[in-house]
Amino acid sequence: MDQGKLIVFSAPSGSGKTTIVQHLLKQKELNLEFSISATSREPRGGEINGKDYYFLSLKEFKQKIKNDEFLEWEEVYRDNFYGTLKSEVERIWAEGKHVIFDIDVVGGLDIKNIYPERTLAVFVKPPSIEELKIRLKKRKTETPDKINMRVAKASIELATAPQFDYIIENNNLDKALEESYNLVASYIGVNEKS
């Protein structure tokens, strides 16, 4: 499929990008399919292999890097890799759909650099670092050390926001969802909801 587009949503962890992407996937007229990332980390409570992530061992992940099977990949934390398999994007395009990503900022910018004419890159910005910390604590999925690591990383990630096509500030979720929908609909040529 020649006209398949790539829609990238990147943000610091806890900014709301996953909520936005899940909302957009429910809008059938957008014809989107989620790009499932591969990771070398262990599944967190309730995550399913092949649905939430492709969970690979560290050895498997490194072998796929050697085999050039990734569109992009990054060692986010030590021995904690994330990446997008080329086969995943090709599978979605073969189904005649547009690919939507919920991905870290480095991966998002990598995809934008590889496919500049086919990619809409959106950065979801939290209202503040303090609010981000509150959201991460409310999740109750990570240790205080992990939360502090994510918050420290968020400051660096926020500096990349100007490199994206659009920045959506997620102060108000309904507004962020509407803004995201309108951006994506316009990009792929679907009439916006009035």
C-alpha atoms as a PDB file:
ATOM      1  CA  MET A   1       0.000   0.000   0.000  1.00  0.00           C
ATOM      2  CA  ASP A   2       1.682   3.177  -1.189  1.00  0.00           C
ATOM      3  CA  GLN A   3      -0.486   5.655   0.690  1.00  0.00           C
ATOM      4  CA  GLY A   4      -0.147   4.138   4.169  1.00  0.00           C
ATOM      5  CA  LYS A   5       0.705   6.824   6.704  1.00  0.00           C
ATOM      6  CA  LEU A   6       2.527   6.693  10.023  1.00  0.00           C
ATOM      7  CA  ILE A   7       1.049   8.526  13.003  1.00  0.00           C
ATOM      8  CA  VAL A   8       3.518   8.883  15.881  1.00  0.00           C
ATOM      9  CA  PHE A   9       2.478   9.870  19.403  1.00  0.00           C
ATOM     10  CA  SER A  10       5.450  10.401  21.716  1.00  0.00           C
ATOM     11  CA  ALA A  11       5.684  11.793  25.213  1.00  0.00           C
ATOM     12  CA  PRO A  12       7.257  11.319  28.587  1.00  0.00           C
ATOM     13  CA  SER A  13       5.740   8.381  30.457  1.00  0.00           C
ATOM     14  CA  GLY A  14       2.535   9.523  32.203  1.00  0.00           C
ATOM     15  CA  SER A  15       1.645  12.317  29.745  1.00  0.00           C
ATOM     16  CA  GLY A  16      -1.475  10.564  28.457  1.00  0.00           C
ATOM     17  CA  LYS A  17      -0.290   9.423  25.021  1.00  0.00           C
ATOM     18  CA  THR A  18      -1.573   5.866  25.522  1.00  0.00           C
ATOM     19  CA  THR A  19      -5.051   7.151  26.447  1.00  0.00           C
ATOM     20  CA  ILE A  20      -5.065   9.360  23.337  1.00  0.00           C
ATOM     21  CA  VAL A  21      -3.875   6.551  21.042  1.00  0.00           C
ATOM     22  CA  GLN A  22      -6.498   4.135  22.458  1.00  0.00           C
ATOM     23  CA  HIS A  23      -9.200   6.747  21.793  1.00  0.00           C
ATOM     24  CA  LEU A  24      -8.042   7.271  18.199  1.00  0.00           C
ATOM     25  CA  LEU A  25      -7.977   3.520  17.526  1.00  0.00           C
ATOM     26  CA  LYS A  26     -11.718   3.380  18.372  1.00  0.00           C
ATOM     27  CA  GLN A  27     -12.506   5.902  15.608  1.00  0.00           C
ATOM     28  CA  LYS A  28     -13.122   3.430  12.760  1.00  0.00           C
ATOM     29  CA  GLU A  29     -13.189   6.111  10.041  1.00  0.00           C
ATOM     30  CA  LEU A  30      -9.497   6.844  10.717  1.00  0.00           C
ATOM     31  CA  ASN A  31      -8.553   3.303   9.577  1.00  0.00           C
ATOM     32  CA  LEU A  32      -5.733   3.004  12.115  1.00  0.00           C
ATOM     33  CA  GLU A  33      -3.963  -0.020  13.497  1.00  0.00           C
ATOM     34  CA  PHE A  34      -1.660   0.009  16.486  1.00  0.00           C
ATOM     35  CA  SER A  35       1.993  -0.799  15.941  1.00  0.00           C
ATOM     36  CA  ILE A  36       2.909  -3.227  18.685  1.00  0.00           C
ATOM     37  CA  SER A  37       6.430  -2.527  19.921  1.00  0.00           C
ATOM     38  CA  ALA A  38       8.936  -5.175  20.871  1.00  0.00           C
ATOM     39  CA  THR A  39      10.618  -4.984  24.277  1.00  0.00           C
ATOM     40  CA  SER A  40      13.169  -6.906  26.282  1.00  0.00           C
ATOM     41  CA  ARG A  41      11.504  -6.038  29.597  1.00  0.00           C
ATOM     42  CA  GLU A  42       9.272  -8.382  31.560  1.00  0.00           C
ATOM     43  CA  PRO A  43       5.484  -8.037  31.160  1.00  0.00           C
ATOM     44  CA  ARG A  44       3.742  -5.880  33.774  1.00  0.00           C
ATOM     45  CA  GLY A  45       0.486  -7.022  35.383  1.00  0.00           C
ATOM     46  CA  GLY A  46      -1.971  -8.210  32.775  1.00  0.00           C
ATOM     47  CA  GLU A  47       0.106  -7.347  29.684  1.00  0.00           C
ATOM     48  CA  ILE A  48      -0.236  -9.860  26.862  1.00  0.00           C
ATOM     49  CA  ASN A  49       2.459 -10.876  24.385  1.00  0.00           C
ATOM     50  CA  GLY A  50       1.442  -9.916  20.840  1.00  0.00           C
ATOM     51  CA  LYS A  51      -1.217  -7.476  22.099  1.00  0.00           C
ATOM     52  CA  ASP A  52       0.540  -5.003  24.386  1.00  0.00           C
ATOM     53  CA  TYR A  53       4.112  -5.770  23.293  1.00  0.00           C
ATOM     54  CA  TYR A  54       6.146  -8.475  21.648  1.00  0.00           C
ATOM     55  CA  PHE A  55       8.094  -9.619  24.694  1.00  0.00           C
ATOM     56  CA  LEU A  56      11.548 -10.836  23.659  1.00  0.00           C
ATOM     57  CA  SER A  57      14.450 -12.052  25.716  1.00  0.00           C
ATOM     58  CA  LEU A  58      17.481  -9.763  25.773  1.00  0.00           C
ATOM     59  CA  LYS A  59      19.281 -12.293  23.558  1.00  0.00           C
ATOM     60  CA  GLU A  60      16.402 -12.421  21.025  1.00  0.00           C
ATOM     61  CA  PHE A  61      16.199  -8.619  20.912  1.00  0.00           C
ATOM     62  CA  LYS A  62      19.927  -8.236  20.273  1.00  0.00           C
ATOM     63  CA  GLN A  63      19.767 -10.893  17.536  1.00  0.00           C
ATOM     64  CA  LYS A  64      16.983  -8.998  15.773  1.00  0.00           C
ATOM     65  CA  ILE A  65      19.112  -5.816  15.965  1.00  0.00           C
ATOM     66  CA  LYS A  66      21.985  -7.731  14.308  1.00  0.00           C
ATOM     67  CA  ASN A  67      19.588  -9.026  11.627  1.00  0.00           C
ATOM     68  CA  ASP A  68      18.394  -5.437  10.881  1.00  0.00           C
ATOM     69  CA  GLU A  69      14.789  -6.394  11.691  1.00  0.00           C
ATOM     70  CA  PHE A  70      13.952  -3.094  13.444  1.00  0.00           C
ATOM     71  CA  LEU A  71      12.735   0.138  11.906  1.00  0.00           C
ATOM     72  CA  GLU A  72      13.974   1.794  15.098  1.00  0.00           C
ATOM     73  CA  TRP A  73      15.140   0.611  18.492  1.00  0.00           C
ATOM     74  CA  GLU A  74      16.589   2.053  21.651  1.00  0.00           C
ATOM     75  CA  GLU A  75      18.059   0.893  24.913  1.00  0.00           C
ATOM     76  CA  VAL A  76      15.755   3.006  27.080  1.00  0.00           C
ATOM     77  CA  TYR A  77      17.249   1.858  30.364  1.00  0.00           C
ATOM     78  CA  ARG A  78      20.146  -0.547  30.858  1.00  0.00           C
ATOM     79  CA  ASP A  79      19.312  -3.918  29.193  1.00  0.00           C
ATOM     80  CA  ASN A  80      15.779  -2.607  28.666  1.00  0.00           C
ATOM     81  CA  PHE A  81      15.248  -2.338  24.904  1.00  0.00           C
ATOM     82  CA  TYR A  82      12.222  -1.151  22.946  1.00  0.00           C
ATOM     83  CA  GLY A  83      11.803  -1.140  19.186  1.00  0.00           C
ATOM     84  CA  THR A  84       9.528  -1.286  16.158  1.00  0.00           C
ATOM     85  CA  LEU A  85       9.829  -4.366  13.981  1.00  0.00           C
ATOM     86  CA  LYS A  86       9.821  -3.614  10.239  1.00  0.00           C
ATOM     87  CA  SER A  87       7.524  -6.628   9.781  1.00  0.00           C
ATOM     88  CA  GLU A  88       4.912  -4.982  12.054  1.00  0.00           C
ATOM     89  CA  VAL A  89       4.653  -1.844   9.876  1.00  0.00           C
ATOM     90  CA  GLU A  90       4.619  -3.926   6.672  1.00  0.00           C
ATOM     91  CA  ARG A  91       1.850  -6.147   8.104  1.00  0.00           C
ATOM     92  CA  ILE A  92      -0.370  -3.129   8.866  1.00  0.00           C
ATOM     93  CA  TRP A  93       0.257  -1.454   5.503  1.00  0.00           C
ATOM     94  CA  ALA A  94      -0.551  -4.768   3.760  1.00  0.00           C
ATOM     95  CA  GLU A  95      -3.960  -4.642   5.489  1.00  0.00           C
ATOM     96  CA  GLY A  96      -4.552  -1.221   3.902  1.00  0.00           C
ATOM     97  CA  LYS A  97      -4.396   0.669   7.192  1.00  0.00           C
ATOM     98  CA  HIS A  98      -2.448   3.576   8.649  1.00  0.00           C
ATOM     99  CA  VAL A  99       0.012   2.792  11.440  1.00  0.00           C
ATOM    100  CA  ILE A 100      -0.305   4.537  14.802  1.00  0.00           C
ATOM    101  CA  PHE A 101       2.535   4.455  17.335  1.00  0.00           C
ATOM    102  CA  ASP A 102       2.628   5.025  21.085  1.00  0.00           C
ATOM    103  CA  ILE A 103       6.378   5.350  21.338  1.00  0.00           C
ATOM    104  CA  ASP A 104       9.178   7.114  23.204  1.00  0.00           C
ATOM    105  CA  VAL A 105      10.555  10.372  21.798  1.00  0.00           C
ATOM    106  CA  VAL A 106      13.775   8.939  20.362  1.00  0.00           C
ATOM    107  CA  GLY A 107      11.881   6.224  18.475  1.00  0.00           C
ATOM    108  CA  GLY A 108       9.270   8.709  17.307  1.00  0.00           C
ATOM    109  CA  LEU A 109      11.891  11.037  15.863  1.00  0.00           C
ATOM    110  CA  ASP A 110      13.710   8.089  14.259  1.00  0.00           C
ATOM    111  CA  ILE A 111      10.528   7.082  12.409  1.00  0.00           C
ATOM    112  CA  LYS A 112       9.941  10.695  11.341  1.00  0.00           C
ATOM    113  CA  ASN A 113      13.510  10.822   9.966  1.00  0.00           C
ATOM    114  CA  ILE A 114      13.124   7.532   8.050  1.00  0.00           C
ATOM    115  CA  TYR A 115       9.712   8.399   6.543  1.00  0.00           C
ATOM    116  CA  PRO A 116       9.535  12.233   6.639  1.00  0.00           C
ATOM    117  CA  GLU A 117       6.828  12.470   3.952  1.00  0.00           C
ATOM    118  CA  ARG A 118       4.594   9.758   5.446  1.00  0.00           C
ATOM    119  CA  THR A 119       4.796  10.586   9.147  1.00  0.00           C
ATOM    120  CA  LEU A 120       2.787  12.862  11.418  1.00  0.00           C
ATOM    121  CA  ALA A 121       4.773  13.210  14.651  1.00  0.00           C
ATOM    122  CA  VAL A 122       2.843  14.479  17.678  1.00  0.00           C
ATOM    123  CA  PHE A 123       4.365  15.252  21.069  1.00  0.00           C
ATOM    124  CA  VAL A 124       2.013  15.013  24.060  1.00  0.00           C
ATOM    125  CA  LYS A 125       3.163  17.398  26.753  1.00  0.00           C
ATOM    126  CA  PRO A 126       2.163  17.047  30.396  1.00  0.00           C
ATOM    127  CA  PRO A 127       0.994  20.217  32.192  1.00  0.00           C
ATOM    128  CA  SER A 128       4.115  20.078  34.390  1.00  0.00           C
ATOM    129  CA  ILE A 129       6.794  17.737  35.741  1.00  0.00           C
ATOM    130  CA  GLU A 130       4.978  17.779  39.121  1.00  0.00           C
ATOM    131  CA  GLU A 131       1.710  16.674  37.506  1.00  0.00           C
ATOM    132  CA  LEU A 132       3.627  13.959  35.668  1.00  0.00           C
ATOM    133  CA  LYS A 133       5.003  12.636  38.948  1.00  0.00           C
ATOM    134  CA  ILE A 134       1.471  12.576  40.450  1.00  0.00           C
ATOM    135  CA  ARG A 135       0.133  10.631  37.426  1.00  0.00           C
ATOM    136  CA  LEU A 136       2.959   8.091  37.605  1.00  0.00           C
ATOM    137  CA  LYS A 137       2.348   7.536  41.335  1.00  0.00           C
ATOM    138  CA  LYS A 138      -1.405   7.057  40.725  1.00  0.00           C
ATOM    139  CA  ARG A 139      -0.671   4.217  38.285  1.00  0.00           C
ATOM    140  CA  LYS A 140       0.802   2.157  41.134  1.00  0.00           C
ATOM    141  CA  THR A 141       2.766   0.062  38.619  1.00  0.00           C
ATOM    142  CA  GLU A 142       6.298   1.117  39.506  1.00  0.00           C
ATOM    143  CA  THR A 143       8.669   1.591  42.427  1.00  0.00           C
ATOM    144  CA  PRO A 144       9.555   5.101  43.660  1.00  0.00           C
ATOM    145  CA  ASP A 145      13.029   4.631  42.106  1.00  0.00           C
ATOM    146  CA  LYS A 146      11.505   3.830  38.687  1.00  0.00           C
ATOM    147  CA  ILE A 147       9.195   6.838  38.987  1.00  0.00           C
ATOM    148  CA  ASN A 148      12.164   9.099  39.775  1.00  0.00           C
ATOM    149  CA  MET A 149      14.030   7.651  36.783  1.00  0.00           C
ATOM    150  CA  ARG A 150      11.049   8.380  34.517  1.00  0.00           C
ATOM    151  CA  VAL A 151      10.691  11.924  35.864  1.00  0.00           C
ATOM    152  CA  ALA A 152      14.399  12.616  35.294  1.00  0.00           C
ATOM    153  CA  LYS A 153      14.092  11.271  31.751  1.00  0.00           C
ATOM    154  CA  ALA A 154      10.968  13.405  31.156  1.00  0.00           C
ATOM    155  CA  SER A 155      12.938  16.629  31.550  1.00  0.00           C
ATOM    156  CA  ILE A 156      15.256  15.549  28.736  1.00  0.00           C
ATOM    157  CA  GLU A 157      12.340  14.355  26.579  1.00  0.00           C
ATOM    158  CA  LEU A 158      10.486  17.660  26.969  1.00  0.00           C
ATOM    159  CA  ALA A 159      13.441  19.393  25.313  1.00  0.00           C
ATOM    160  CA  THR A 160      12.766  17.391  22.099  1.00  0.00           C
ATOM    161  CA  ALA A 161       9.166  18.640  21.745  1.00  0.00           C
ATOM    162  CA  PRO A 162      10.027  21.345  19.143  1.00  0.00           C
ATOM    163  CA  GLN A 163      11.357  18.637  16.786  1.00  0.00           C
ATOM    164  CA  PHE A 164       7.838  17.180  16.406  1.00  0.00           C
ATOM    165  CA  ASP A 165       5.228  18.378  13.897  1.00  0.00           C
ATOM    166  CA  TYR A 166       2.733  19.265  16.639  1.00  0.00           C
ATOM    167  CA  ILE A 167       2.676  19.614  20.405  1.00  0.00           C
ATOM    168  CA  ILE A 168      -0.529  18.842  22.276  1.00  0.00           C
ATOM    169  CA  GLU A 169      -0.565  19.954  25.893  1.00  0.00           C
ATOM    170  CA  ASN A 170      -2.621  17.478  27.909  1.00  0.00           C
ATOM    171  CA  ASN A 171      -4.104  19.769  30.588  1.00  0.00           C
ATOM    172  CA  ASN A 172      -7.653  18.731  29.756  1.00  0.00           C
ATOM    173  CA  LEU A 173      -8.095  15.191  28.412  1.00  0.00           C
ATOM    174  CA  ASP A 174     -11.288  15.897  26.403  1.00  0.00           C
ATOM    175  CA  LYS A 175      -9.614  18.825  24.675  1.00  0.00           C
ATOM    176  CA  ALA A 176      -6.452  16.774  24.002  1.00  0.00           C
ATOM    177  CA  LEU A 177      -8.555  13.926  22.530  1.00  0.00           C
ATOM    178  CA  GLU A 178     -10.435  16.314  20.236  1.00  0.00           C
ATOM    179  CA  GLU A 179      -7.254  18.099  19.142  1.00  0.00           C
ATOM    180  CA  SER A 180      -5.570  14.747  18.438  1.00  0.00           C
ATOM    181  CA  TYR A 181      -8.543  13.479  16.445  1.00  0.00           C
ATOM    182  CA  ASN A 182      -8.669  16.630  14.317  1.00  0.00           C
ATOM    183  CA  LEU A 183      -4.921  16.506  13.631  1.00  0.00           C
ATOM    184  CA  VAL A 184      -4.978  12.863  12.547  1.00  0.00           C
ATOM    185  CA  ALA A 185      -8.190  13.197  10.527  1.00  0.00           C
ATOM    186  CA  SER A 186      -6.782  16.177   8.679  1.00  0.00           C
ATOM    187  CA  TYR A 187      -3.454  14.419   8.034  1.00  0.00           C
ATOM    188  CA  ILE A 188      -5.008  11.302   6.524  1.00  0.00           C
ATOM    189  CA  GLY A 189      -7.782  13.195   4.732  1.00  0.00           C
ATOM    190  CA  VAL A 190     -10.865  12.255   6.771  1.00  0.00           C
ATOM    191  CA  ASN A 191     -13.460  14.959   7.354  1.00  0.00           C
ATOM    192  CA  GLU A 192     -13.203  16.282  10.899  1.00  0.00           C
ATOM    193  CA  LYS A 193     -16.046  15.811  13.393  1.00  0.00           C
ATOM    194  CA  SER A 194     -17.987  19.017  13.721  1.00  0.00           C
END
